Amino acid sequence: MAVPWTQRPDGLLVEVRLTPRAAMDRIDSVETLSDGAPVLKARVRAVPEKGKANDAVVRLLAKALGLPTSRARLLSGDTARRKCILLEGDGASLARALEALLAAKG
C-alpha cells in the first residue's frame, strides 16, 4: 500500500484529507482518493472558518507524533479538504511513528 507521506531532509511531508465539524479530533486511516493518491484521513471538531480547522489538524498531527506545534505547519490546501503538512524533524523517525500510530488503530 502506498503511504501519504514523503521523507525530506527537513522532516516529513504528509498529505491529509480533512473533515471539519467532526464529533471528535482524530486520525483515521490511509485512504486512496479517486485520482489514486493516498491521503491520511483526519477529522477535527473545528469549523472551517478563519483557519480554525487548519490549525486544529496541524495541532492534532503534532500531538499524535509528540512534536511541538511549532514544528508542524500547513504548506498547501488552506481552503481545500486536501492539505499538505510539513512535520519538521527526522523524517525517518516521524514516518515510523506515524506507521506505528496507524498500526495501533488496526
PDB file of N, CA and C in Angstrom:
ATOM      1  N   MET A   1       0.838  -1.179   0.000  1.00  0.00           N
ATOM      2  CA  MET A   1       0.000   0.000   0.000  1.00  0.00           C
ATOM      3  C   MET A   1       0.889   1.251   0.000  1.00  0.00           C
ATOM      4  N   ALA A   2       0.494   2.222  -0.783  1.00  0.00           N
ATOM      5  CA  ALA A   2       1.231   3.480  -0.843  1.00  0.00           C
ATOM      6  C   ALA A   2       0.966   4.285   0.428  1.00  0.00           C
ATOM      7  N   VAL A   3       1.938   5.070   0.820  1.00  0.00           N
ATOM      8  CA  VAL A   3       1.788   5.896   2.020  1.00  0.00           C
ATOM      9  C   VAL A   3       1.619   7.358   1.620  1.00  0.00           C
ATOM     10  N   PRO A   4       0.872   8.123   2.413  1.00  0.00           N
ATOM     11  CA  PRO A   4       0.614   9.521   2.079  1.00  0.00           C
ATOM     12  C   PRO A   4       1.647  10.497   2.633  1.00  0.00           C
ATOM     13  N   TRP A   5       2.871  10.042   2.782  1.00  0.00           N
ATOM     14  CA  TRP A   5       3.917  10.943   3.270  1.00  0.00           C
ATOM     15  C   TRP A   5       5.201  10.715   2.499  1.00  0.00           C
ATOM     16  N   THR A   6       6.035  11.748   2.525  1.00  0.00           N
ATOM     17  CA  THR A   6       7.318  11.730   1.846  1.00  0.00           C
ATOM     18  C   THR A   6       8.369  12.255   2.809  1.00  0.00           C
ATOM     19  N   GLN A   7       9.444  11.508   2.951  1.00  0.00           N
ATOM     20  CA  GLN A   7      10.538  11.972   3.800  1.00  0.00           C
ATOM     21  C   GLN A   7      11.323  13.048   3.056  1.00  0.00           C
ATOM     22  N   ARG A   8      11.680  14.089   3.775  1.00  0.00           N
ATOM     23  CA  ARG A   8      12.504  15.174   3.232  1.00  0.00           C
ATOM     24  C   ARG A   8      13.644  15.427   4.203  1.00  0.00           C
ATOM     25  N   PRO A   9      14.674  16.122   3.756  1.00  0.00           N
ATOM     26  CA  PRO A   9      15.791  16.416   4.671  1.00  0.00           C
ATOM     27  C   PRO A   9      15.353  17.195   5.919  1.00  0.00           C
ATOM     28  N   ASP A  10      14.290  18.001   5.789  1.00  0.00           N
ATOM     29  CA  ASP A  10      13.835  18.811   6.920  1.00  0.00           C
ATOM     30  C   ASP A  10      12.668  18.191   7.687  1.00  0.00           C
ATOM     31  N   GLY A  11      12.223  16.985   7.293  1.00  0.00           N
ATOM     32  CA  GLY A  11      11.126  16.358   8.023  1.00  0.00           C
ATOM     33  C   GLY A  11      10.293  15.428   7.178  1.00  0.00           C
ATOM     34  N   LEU A  12       9.000  15.432   7.446  1.00  0.00           N
ATOM     35  CA  LEU A  12       8.062  14.540   6.779  1.00  0.00           C
ATOM     36  C   LEU A  12       6.925  15.376   6.205  1.00  0.00           C
ATOM     37  N   LEU A  13       6.647  15.202   4.923  1.00  0.00           N
ATOM     38  CA  LEU A  13       5.567  15.893   4.233  1.00  0.00           C
ATOM     39  C   LEU A  13       4.381  14.945   4.185  1.00  0.00           C
ATOM     40  N   VAL A  14       3.251  15.332   4.773  1.00  0.00           N
ATOM     41  CA  VAL A  14       2.088  14.455   4.889  1.00  0.00           C
ATOM     42  C   VAL A  14       0.910  15.043   4.121  1.00  0.00           C
ATOM     43  N   GLU A  15       0.300  14.211   3.271  1.00  0.00           N
ATOM     44  CA  GLU A  15      -0.913  14.588   2.538  1.00  0.00           C
ATOM     45  C   GLU A  15      -2.103  14.159   3.386  1.00  0.00           C
ATOM     46  N   VAL A  16      -2.986  15.099   3.705  1.00  0.00           N
ATOM     47  CA  VAL A  16      -4.109  14.847   4.600  1.00  0.00           C
ATOM     48  C   VAL A  16      -5.419  15.222   3.910  1.00  0.00           C
ATOM     49  N   ARG A  17      -6.439  14.409   4.130  1.00  0.00           N
ATOM     50  CA  ARG A  17      -7.800  14.765   3.724  1.00  0.00           C
ATOM     51  C   ARG A  17      -8.555  15.059   5.010  1.00  0.00           C
ATOM     52  N   LEU A  18      -8.957  16.304   5.172  1.00  0.00           N
ATOM     53  CA  LEU A  18      -9.524  16.773   6.429  1.00  0.00           C
ATOM     54  C   LEU A  18     -11.045  16.861   6.380  1.00  0.00           C
ATOM     55  N   THR A  19     -11.676  16.373   7.442  1.00  0.00           N
ATOM     56  CA  THR A  19     -13.112  16.532   7.628  1.00  0.00           C
ATOM     57  C   THR A  19     -13.312  17.420   8.854  1.00  0.00           C
ATOM     58  N   PRO A  20     -13.778  18.656   8.636  1.00  0.00           N
ATOM     59  CA  PRO A  20     -14.045  19.548   9.775  1.00  0.00           C
ATOM     60  C   PRO A  20     -15.422  19.241  10.381  1.00  0.00           C
ATOM     61  N   ARG A  21     -15.724  19.872  11.502  1.00  0.00           N
ATOM     62  CA  ARG A  21     -17.010  19.730  12.195  1.00  0.00           C
ATOM     63  C   ARG A  21     -17.316  18.282  12.568  1.00  0.00           C
ATOM     64  N   ALA A  22     -16.304  17.530  12.919  1.00  0.00           N
ATOM     65  CA  ALA A  22     -16.497  16.132  13.322  1.00  0.00           C
ATOM     66  C   ALA A  22     -16.876  16.069  14.805  1.00  0.00           C
ATOM     67  N   ALA A  23     -17.285  14.900  15.240  1.00  0.00           N
ATOM     68  CA  ALA A  23     -17.656  14.716  16.644  1.00  0.00           C
ATOM     69  C   ALA A  23     -16.441  14.766  17.561  1.00  0.00           C
ATOM     70  N   MET A  24     -15.274  14.365  17.022  1.00  0.00           N
ATOM     71  CA  MET A  24     -14.057  14.376  17.832  1.00  0.00           C
ATOM     72  C   MET A  24     -12.839  14.556  16.934  1.00  0.00           C
ATOM     73  N   ASP A  25     -11.747  15.009  17.515  1.00  0.00           N
ATOM     74  CA  ASP A  25     -10.488  15.135  16.776  1.00  0.00           C
ATOM     75  C   ASP A  25      -9.839  13.767  16.718  1.00  0.00           C
ATOM     76  N   ARG A  26      -9.504  13.300  15.511  1.00  0.00           N
ATOM     77  CA  ARG A  26      -8.831  12.009  15.411  1.00  0.00           C
ATOM     78  C   ARG A  26      -8.214  11.808  14.034  1.00  0.00           C
ATOM     79  N   ILE A  27      -7.208  10.945  14.023  1.00  0.00           N
ATOM     80  CA  ILE A  27      -6.589  10.495  12.782  1.00  0.00           C
ATOM     81  C   ILE A  27      -7.203   9.132  12.503  1.00  0.00           C
ATOM     82  N   ASP A  28      -7.771   8.959  11.310  1.00  0.00           N
ATOM     83  CA  ASP A  28      -8.487   7.727  10.998  1.00  0.00           C
ATOM     84  C   ASP A  28      -7.600   6.655  10.378  1.00  0.00           C
ATOM     85  N   SER A  29      -7.255   6.832   9.125  1.00  0.00           N
ATOM     86  CA  SER A  29      -6.551   5.793   8.380  1.00  0.00           C
ATOM     87  C   SER A  29      -5.992   6.384   7.096  1.00  0.00           C
ATOM     88  N   VAL A  30      -5.380   5.522   6.300  1.00  0.00           N
ATOM     89  CA  VAL A  30      -4.914   5.918   4.978  1.00  0.00           C
ATOM     90  C   VAL A  30      -6.000   5.526   3.985  1.00  0.00           C
ATOM     91  N   GLU A  31      -6.306   6.434   3.083  1.00  0.00           N
ATOM     92  CA  GLU A  31      -7.334   6.211   2.070  1.00  0.00           C
ATOM     93  C   GLU A  31      -6.750   6.561   0.712  1.00  0.00           C
ATOM     94  N   THR A  32      -7.214   5.889  -0.329  1.00  0.00           N
ATOM     95  CA  THR A  32      -6.796   6.222  -1.691  1.00  0.00           C
ATOM     96  C   THR A  32      -7.923   7.005  -2.341  1.00  0.00           C
ATOM     97  N   LEU A  33      -7.615   8.200  -2.823  1.00  0.00           N
ATOM     98  CA  LEU A  33      -8.618   9.038  -3.476  1.00  0.00           C
ATOM     99  C   LEU A  33      -8.902   8.530  -4.882  1.00  0.00           C
ATOM    100  N   SER A  34      -9.909   9.092  -5.516  1.00  0.00           N
ATOM    101  CA  SER A  34     -10.298   8.661  -6.861  1.00  0.00           C
ATOM    102  C   SER A  34      -9.187   8.880  -7.885  1.00  0.00           C
ATOM    103  N   ASP A  35      -8.290   9.828  -7.623  1.00  0.00           N
ATOM    104  CA  ASP A  35      -7.173  10.059  -8.550  1.00  0.00           C
ATOM    105  C   ASP A  35      -5.988   9.127  -8.269  1.00  0.00           C
ATOM    106  N   GLY A  36      -6.159   8.225  -7.296  1.00  0.00           N
ATOM    107  CA  GLY A  36      -5.121   7.247  -6.971  1.00  0.00           C
ATOM    108  C   GLY A  36      -4.128   7.709  -5.925  1.00  0.00           C
ATOM    109  N   ALA A  37      -4.263   8.942  -5.452  1.00  0.00           N
ATOM    110  CA  ALA A  37      -3.329   9.482  -4.459  1.00  0.00           C
ATOM    111  C   ALA A  37      -3.701   9.024  -3.058  1.00  0.00           C
ATOM    112  N   PRO A  38      -2.729   8.536  -2.287  1.00  0.00           N
ATOM    113  CA  PRO A  38      -3.014   8.166  -0.905  1.00  0.00           C
ATOM    114  C   PRO A  38      -3.039   9.414  -0.018  1.00  0.00           C
ATOM    115  N   VAL A  39      -3.957   9.437   0.935  1.00  0.00           N
ATOM    116  CA  VAL A  39      -4.054  10.539   1.898  1.00  0.00           C
ATOM    117  C   VAL A  39      -4.304   9.970   3.286  1.00  0.00           C
ATOM    118  N   LEU A  40      -3.916  10.722   4.281  1.00  0.00           N
ATOM    119  CA  LEU A  40      -4.194  10.382   5.665  1.00  0.00           C
ATOM    120  C   LEU A  40      -5.521  11.054   6.015  1.00  0.00           C
ATOM    121  N   LYS A  41      -6.514  10.266   6.401  1.00  0.00           N
ATOM    122  CA  LYS A  41      -7.814  10.826   6.764  1.00  0.00           C
ATOM    123  C   LYS A  41      -7.753  11.321   8.202  1.00  0.00           C
ATOM    124  N   ALA A  42      -8.195  12.558   8.393  1.00  0.00           N
ATOM    125  CA  ALA A  42      -8.227  13.144   9.729  1.00  0.00           C
ATOM    126  C   ALA A  42      -9.530  13.912   9.907  1.00  0.00           C
ATOM    127  N   ARG A  43      -9.969  13.972  11.160  1.00  0.00           N
ATOM    128  CA  ARG A  43     -11.198  14.695  11.496  1.00  0.00           C
ATOM    129  C   ARG A  43     -10.887  15.645  12.650  1.00  0.00           C
ATOM    130  N   VAL A  44     -11.497  16.823  12.589  1.00  0.00           N
ATOM    131  CA  VAL A  44     -11.357  17.789  13.686  1.00  0.00           C
ATOM    132  C   VAL A  44     -12.725  18.387  14.012  1.00  0.00           C
ATOM    133  N   ARG A  45     -12.886  18.802  15.252  1.00  0.00           N
ATOM    134  CA  ARG A  45     -14.151  19.417  15.675  1.00  0.00           C
ATOM    135  C   ARG A  45     -14.273  20.848  15.180  1.00  0.00           C
ATOM    136  N   ALA A  46     -13.165  21.485  14.894  1.00  0.00           N
ATOM    137  CA  ALA A  46     -13.158  22.897  14.497  1.00  0.00           C
ATOM    138  C   ALA A  46     -13.924  23.125  13.196  1.00  0.00           C
ATOM    139  N   VAL A  47     -14.415  24.333  13.067  1.00  0.00           N
ATOM    140  CA  VAL A  47     -15.122  24.720  11.842  1.00  0.00           C
ATOM    141  C   VAL A  47     -14.119  25.243  10.816  1.00  0.00           C
ATOM    142  N   PRO A  48     -14.460  25.128   9.535  1.00  0.00           N
ATOM    143  CA  PRO A  48     -13.524  25.598   8.502  1.00  0.00           C
ATOM    144  C   PRO A  48     -13.649  27.102   8.250  1.00  0.00           C
ATOM    145  N   GLU A  49     -13.473  27.890   9.292  1.00  0.00           N
ATOM    146  CA  GLU A  49     -13.557  29.345   9.178  1.00  0.00           C
ATOM    147  C   GLU A  49     -12.309  29.977   9.768  1.00  0.00           C
ATOM    148  N   LYS A  50     -11.757  30.931   9.056  1.00  0.00           N
ATOM    149  CA  LYS A  50     -10.603  31.703   9.533  1.00  0.00           C
ATOM    150  C   LYS A  50      -9.431  30.808   9.946  1.00  0.00           C
ATOM    151  N   GLY A  51      -9.255  29.680   9.262  1.00  0.00           N
ATOM    152  CA  GLY A  51      -8.115  28.810   9.518  1.00  0.00           C
ATOM    153  C   GLY A  51      -8.220  27.943  10.761  1.00  0.00           C
ATOM    154  N   LYS A  52      -9.387  27.917  11.408  1.00  0.00           N
ATOM    155  CA  LYS A  52      -9.535  27.154  12.655  1.00  0.00           C
ATOM    156  C   LYS A  52      -9.336  25.653  12.424  1.00  0.00           C
ATOM    157  N   ALA A  53      -9.917  25.106  11.360  1.00  0.00           N
ATOM    158  CA  ALA A  53      -9.764  23.669  11.079  1.00  0.00           C
ATOM    159  C   ALA A  53      -8.322  23.356  10.689  1.00  0.00           C
ATOM    160  N   ASN A  54      -7.683  24.250   9.941  1.00  0.00           N
ATOM    161  CA  ASN A  54      -6.282  24.046   9.566  1.00  0.00           C
ATOM    162  C   ASN A  54      -5.396  24.007  10.807  1.00  0.00           C
ATOM    163  N   ASP A  55      -5.599  24.946  11.710  1.00  0.00           N
ATOM    164  CA  ASP A  55      -4.816  24.970  12.949  1.00  0.00           C
ATOM    165  C   ASP A  55      -5.050  23.695  13.759  1.00  0.00           C
ATOM    166  N   ALA A  56      -6.292  23.246  13.782  1.00  0.00           N
ATOM    167  CA  ALA A  56      -6.632  22.057  14.564  1.00  0.00           C
ATOM    168  C   ALA A  56      -5.954  20.807  14.009  1.00  0.00           C
ATOM    169  N   VAL A  57      -5.920  20.643  12.696  1.00  0.00           N
ATOM    170  CA  VAL A  57      -5.297  19.440  12.127  1.00  0.00           C
ATOM    171  C   VAL A  57      -3.777  19.484  12.308  1.00  0.00           C
ATOM    172  N   VAL A  58      -3.196  20.651  12.224  1.00  0.00           N
ATOM    173  CA  VAL A  58      -1.749  20.777  12.464  1.00  0.00           C
ATOM    174  C   VAL A  58      -1.435  20.398  13.912  1.00  0.00           C
ATOM    175  N   ARG A  59      -2.234  20.903  14.859  1.00  0.00           N
ATOM    176  CA  ARG A  59      -2.048  20.561  16.279  1.00  0.00           C
ATOM    177  C   ARG A  59      -2.259  19.072  16.514  1.00  0.00           C
ATOM    178  N   LEU A  60      -3.274  18.495  15.873  1.00  0.00           N
ATOM    179  CA  LEU A  60      -3.577  17.074  16.031  1.00  0.00           C
ATOM    180  C   LEU A  60      -2.418  16.196  15.579  1.00  0.00           C
ATOM    181  N   LEU A  61      -1.870  16.474  14.407  1.00  0.00           N
ATOM    182  CA  LEU A  61      -0.743  15.685  13.907  1.00  0.00           C
ATOM    183  C   LEU A  61       0.488  15.849  14.787  1.00  0.00           C
ATOM    184  N   ALA A  62       0.775  17.084  15.179  1.00  0.00           N
ATOM    185  CA  ALA A  62       1.942  17.337  16.026  1.00  0.00           C
ATOM    186  C   ALA A  62       1.814  16.578  17.349  1.00  0.00           C
ATOM    187  N   LYS A  63       0.659  16.667  17.977  1.00  0.00           N
ATOM    188  CA  LYS A  63       0.451  15.999  19.261  1.00  0.00           C
ATOM    189  C   LYS A  63       0.551  14.481  19.112  1.00  0.00           C
ATOM    190  N   ALA A  64      -0.043  13.936  18.061  1.00  0.00           N
ATOM    191  CA  ALA A  64      -0.030  12.486  17.843  1.00  0.00           C
ATOM    192  C   ALA A  64       1.384  11.947  17.683  1.00  0.00           C
ATOM    193  N   LEU A  65       2.279  12.769  17.143  1.00  0.00           N
ATOM    194  CA  LEU A  65       3.650  12.325  16.903  1.00  0.00           C
ATOM    195  C   LEU A  65       4.640  12.881  17.921  1.00  0.00           C
ATOM    196  N   GLY A  66       4.136  13.543  18.945  1.00  0.00           N
ATOM    197  CA  GLY A  66       4.995  14.042  20.011  1.00  0.00           C
ATOM    198  C   GLY A  66       5.872  15.215  19.616  1.00  0.00           C
ATOM    199  N   LEU A  67       5.395  16.009  18.681  1.00  0.00           N
ATOM    200  CA  LEU A  67       6.143  17.192  18.243  1.00  0.00           C
ATOM    201  C   LEU A  67       5.547  18.450  18.854  1.00  0.00           C
ATOM    202  N   PRO A  68       6.369  19.464  19.094  1.00  0.00           N
ATOM    203  CA  PRO A  68       5.794  20.757  19.472  1.00  0.00           C
ATOM    204  C   PRO A  68       5.010  21.301  18.266  1.00  0.00           C
ATOM    205  N   THR A  69       3.934  22.005  18.523  1.00  0.00           N
ATOM    206  CA  THR A  69       3.113  22.550  17.441  1.00  0.00           C
ATOM    207  C   THR A  69       3.929  23.454  16.519  1.00  0.00           C
ATOM    208  N   SER A  70       4.947  24.097  17.048  1.00  0.00           N
ATOM    209  CA  SER A  70       5.777  24.990  16.238  1.00  0.00           C
ATOM    210  C   SER A  70       6.573  24.234  15.174  1.00  0.00           C
ATOM    211  N   ARG A  71       6.658  22.911  15.281  1.00  0.00           N
ATOM    212  CA  ARG A  71       7.420  22.104  14.319  1.00  0.00           C
ATOM    213  C   ARG A  71       6.515  21.493  13.240  1.00  0.00           C
ATOM    214  N   ALA A  72       5.244  21.912  13.203  1.00  0.00           N
ATOM    215  CA  ALA A  72       4.308  21.430  12.190  1.00  0.00           C
ATOM    216  C   ALA A  72       3.645  22.641  11.549  1.00  0.00           C
ATOM    217  N   ARG A  73       3.539  22.602  10.214  1.00  0.00           N
ATOM    218  CA  ARG A  73       2.903  23.738   9.547  1.00  0.00           C
ATOM    219  C   ARG A  73       2.238  23.307   8.247  1.00  0.00           C
ATOM    220  N   LEU A  74       1.191  24.034   7.917  1.00  0.00           N
ATOM    221  CA  LEU A  74       0.444  23.800   6.692  1.00  0.00           C
ATOM    222  C   LEU A  74       1.205  24.420   5.527  1.00  0.00           C
ATOM    223  N   LEU A  75       1.503  23.609   4.511  1.00  0.00           N
ATOM    224  CA  LEU A  75       2.201  24.134   3.333  1.00  0.00           C
ATOM    225  C   LEU A  75       1.241  24.489   2.210  1.00  0.00           C
ATOM    226  N   SER A  76       0.173  23.684   2.040  1.00  0.00           N
ATOM    227  CA  SER A  76      -0.800  23.974   0.992  1.00  0.00           C
ATOM    228  C   SER A  76      -2.148  23.393   1.361  1.00  0.00           C
ATOM    229  N   GLY A  77      -3.176  23.884   0.685  1.00  0.00           N
ATOM    230  CA  GLY A  77      -4.526  23.398   0.925  1.00  0.00           C
ATOM    231  C   GLY A  77      -5.291  24.232   1.927  1.00  0.00           C
ATOM    232  N   ASP A  78      -4.949  25.502   2.017  1.00  0.00           N
ATOM    233  CA  ASP A  78      -5.565  26.387   3.005  1.00  0.00           C
ATOM    234  C   ASP A  78      -7.093  26.339   2.972  1.00  0.00           C
ATOM    235  N   THR A  79      -7.686  26.342   1.777  1.00  0.00           N
ATOM    236  CA  THR A  79      -9.146  26.353   1.672  1.00  0.00           C
ATOM    237  C   THR A  79      -9.700  25.052   1.097  1.00  0.00           C
ATOM    238  N   ALA A  80      -8.865  24.044   0.916  1.00  0.00           N
ATOM    239  CA  ALA A  80      -9.303  22.765   0.356  1.00  0.00           C
ATOM    240  C   ALA A  80      -9.371  21.706   1.444  1.00  0.00           C
ATOM    241  N   ARG A  81     -10.054  20.604   1.158  1.00  0.00           N
ATOM    242  CA  ARG A  81     -10.100  19.496   2.126  1.00  0.00           C
ATOM    243  C   ARG A  81      -8.786  18.731   2.129  1.00  0.00           C
ATOM    244  N   ARG A  82      -8.090  18.781   1.007  1.00  0.00           N
ATOM    245  CA  ARG A  82      -6.799  18.093   0.910  1.00  0.00           C
ATOM    246  C   ARG A  82      -5.688  19.064   1.297  1.00  0.00           C
ATOM    247  N   LYS A  83      -4.909  18.680   2.288  1.00  0.00           N
ATOM    248  CA  LYS A  83      -3.870  19.540   2.852  1.00  0.00           C
ATOM    249  C   LYS A  83      -2.509  18.885   2.713  1.00  0.00           C
ATOM    250  N   CYS A  84      -1.484  19.697   2.696  1.00  0.00           N
ATOM    251  CA  CYS A  84      -0.109  19.215   2.729  1.00  0.00           C
ATOM    252  C   CYS A  84       0.538  19.845   3.962  1.00  0.00           C
ATOM    253  N   ILE A  85       0.971  18.985   4.886  1.00  0.00           N
ATOM    254  CA  ILE A  85       1.504  19.457   6.168  1.00  0.00           C
ATOM    255  C   ILE A  85       2.942  18.979   6.325  1.00  0.00           C
ATOM    256  N   LEU A  86       3.817  19.901   6.690  1.00  0.00           N
ATOM    257  CA  LEU A  86       5.219  19.565   6.942  1.00  0.00           C
ATOM    258  C   LEU A  86       5.419  19.392   8.444  1.00  0.00           C
ATOM    259  N   LEU A  87       5.943  18.227   8.816  1.00  0.00           N
ATOM    260  CA  LEU A  87       6.320  17.951  10.197  1.00  0.00           C
ATOM    261  C   LEU A  87       7.838  18.008  10.243  1.00  0.00           C
ATOM    262  N   GLU A  88       8.389  18.985  10.933  1.00  0.00           N
ATOM    263  CA  GLU A  88       9.828  19.194  10.954  1.00  0.00           C
ATOM    264  C   GLU A  88      10.506  18.259  11.948  1.00  0.00           C
ATOM    265  N   GLY A  89      11.622  17.688  11.529  1.00  0.00           N
ATOM    266  CA  GLY A  89      12.373  16.776  12.385  1.00  0.00           C
ATOM    267  C   GLY A  89      13.004  15.693  11.535  1.00  0.00           C
ATOM    268  N   ASP A  90      13.325  14.571  12.160  1.00  0.00           N
ATOM    269  CA  ASP A  90      13.908  13.446  11.442  1.00  0.00           C
ATOM    270  C   ASP A  90      12.786  12.711  10.699  1.00  0.00           C
ATOM    271  N   GLY A  91      12.818  12.784   9.378  1.00  0.00           N
ATOM    272  CA  GLY A  91      11.761  12.211   8.557  1.00  0.00           C
ATOM    273  C   GLY A  91      11.551  10.725   8.778  1.00  0.00           C
ATOM    274  N   ALA A  92      12.642   9.968   8.905  1.00  0.00           N
ATOM    275  CA  ALA A  92      12.529   8.518   9.093  1.00  0.00           C
ATOM    276  C   ALA A  92      11.857   8.194  10.425  1.00  0.00           C
ATOM    277  N   SER A  93      12.220   8.901  11.481  1.00  0.00           N
ATOM    278  CA  SER A  93      11.620   8.667  12.799  1.00  0.00           C
ATOM    279  C   SER A  93      10.146   9.047  12.801  1.00  0.00           C
ATOM    280  N   LEU A  94       9.824  10.162  12.158  1.00  0.00           N
ATOM    281  CA  LEU A  94       8.433  10.596  12.091  1.00  0.00           C
ATOM    282  C   LEU A  94       7.591   9.614  11.280  1.00  0.00           C
ATOM    283  N   ALA A  95       8.158   9.089  10.188  1.00  0.00           N
ATOM    284  CA  ALA A  95       7.442   8.102   9.372  1.00  0.00           C
ATOM    285  C   ALA A  95       7.167   6.837  10.182  1.00  0.00           C
ATOM    286  N   ARG A  96       8.165   6.381  10.945  1.00  0.00           N
ATOM    287  CA  ARG A  96       7.966   5.195  11.789  1.00  0.00           C
ATOM    288  C   ARG A  96       6.895   5.446  12.846  1.00  0.00           C
ATOM    289  N   ALA A  97       6.903   6.622  13.434  1.00  0.00           N
ATOM    290  CA  ALA A  97       5.912   6.950  14.462  1.00  0.00           C
ATOM    291  C   ALA A  97       4.501   6.989  13.867  1.00  0.00           C
ATOM    292  N   LEU A  98       4.381   7.523  12.667  1.00  0.00           N
ATOM    293  CA  LEU A  98       3.081   7.581  12.008  1.00  0.00           C
ATOM    294  C   LEU A  98       2.606   6.180  11.618  1.00  0.00           C
ATOM    295  N   GLU A  99       3.516   5.346  11.141  1.00  0.00           N
ATOM    296  CA  GLU A  99       3.169   3.955  10.815  1.00  0.00           C
ATOM    297  C   GLU A  99       2.705   3.208  12.070  1.00  0.00           C
ATOM    298  N   ALA A 100       3.397   3.421  13.188  1.00  0.00           N
ATOM    299  CA  ALA A 100       3.022   2.763  14.439  1.00  0.00           C
ATOM    300  C   ALA A 100       1.650   3.235  14.919  1.00  0.00           C
ATOM    301  N   LEU A 101       1.393   4.523  14.769  1.00  0.00           N
ATOM    302  CA  LEU A 101       0.092   5.091  15.164  1.00  0.00           C
ATOM    303  C   LEU A 101      -1.031   4.458  14.349  1.00  0.00           C
ATOM    304  N   LEU A 102      -0.829   4.340  13.052  1.00  0.00           N
ATOM    305  CA  LEU A 102      -1.850   3.748  12.186  1.00  0.00           C
ATOM    306  C   LEU A 102      -2.008   2.255  12.447  1.00  0.00           C
ATOM    307  N   ALA A 103      -0.908   1.559  12.729  1.00  0.00           N
ATOM    308  CA  ALA A 103      -0.971   0.121  13.012  1.00  0.00           C
ATOM    309  C   ALA A 103      -1.748  -0.121  14.303  1.00  0.00           C
ATOM    310  N   ALA A 104      -1.589   0.752  15.275  1.00  0.00           N
ATOM    311  CA  ALA A 104      -2.291   0.592  16.551  1.00  0.00           C
ATOM    312  C   ALA A 104      -3.806   0.776  16.383  1.00  0.00           C
ATOM    313  N   LYS A 105      -4.206   1.541  15.375  1.00  0.00           N
ATOM    314  CA  LYS A 105      -5.627   1.754  15.113  1.00  0.00           C
ATOM    315  C   LYS A 105      -6.251   0.530  14.432  1.00  0.00           C
ATOM    316  N   GLY A 106      -5.383  -0.331  13.871  1.00  0.00           N
ATOM    317  CA  GLY A 106      -5.854  -1.567  13.250  1.00  0.00           C
ATOM    318  C   GLY A 106      -6.253  -1.332  11.874  1.00  0.00           C
TER     319      GLY A 106
END
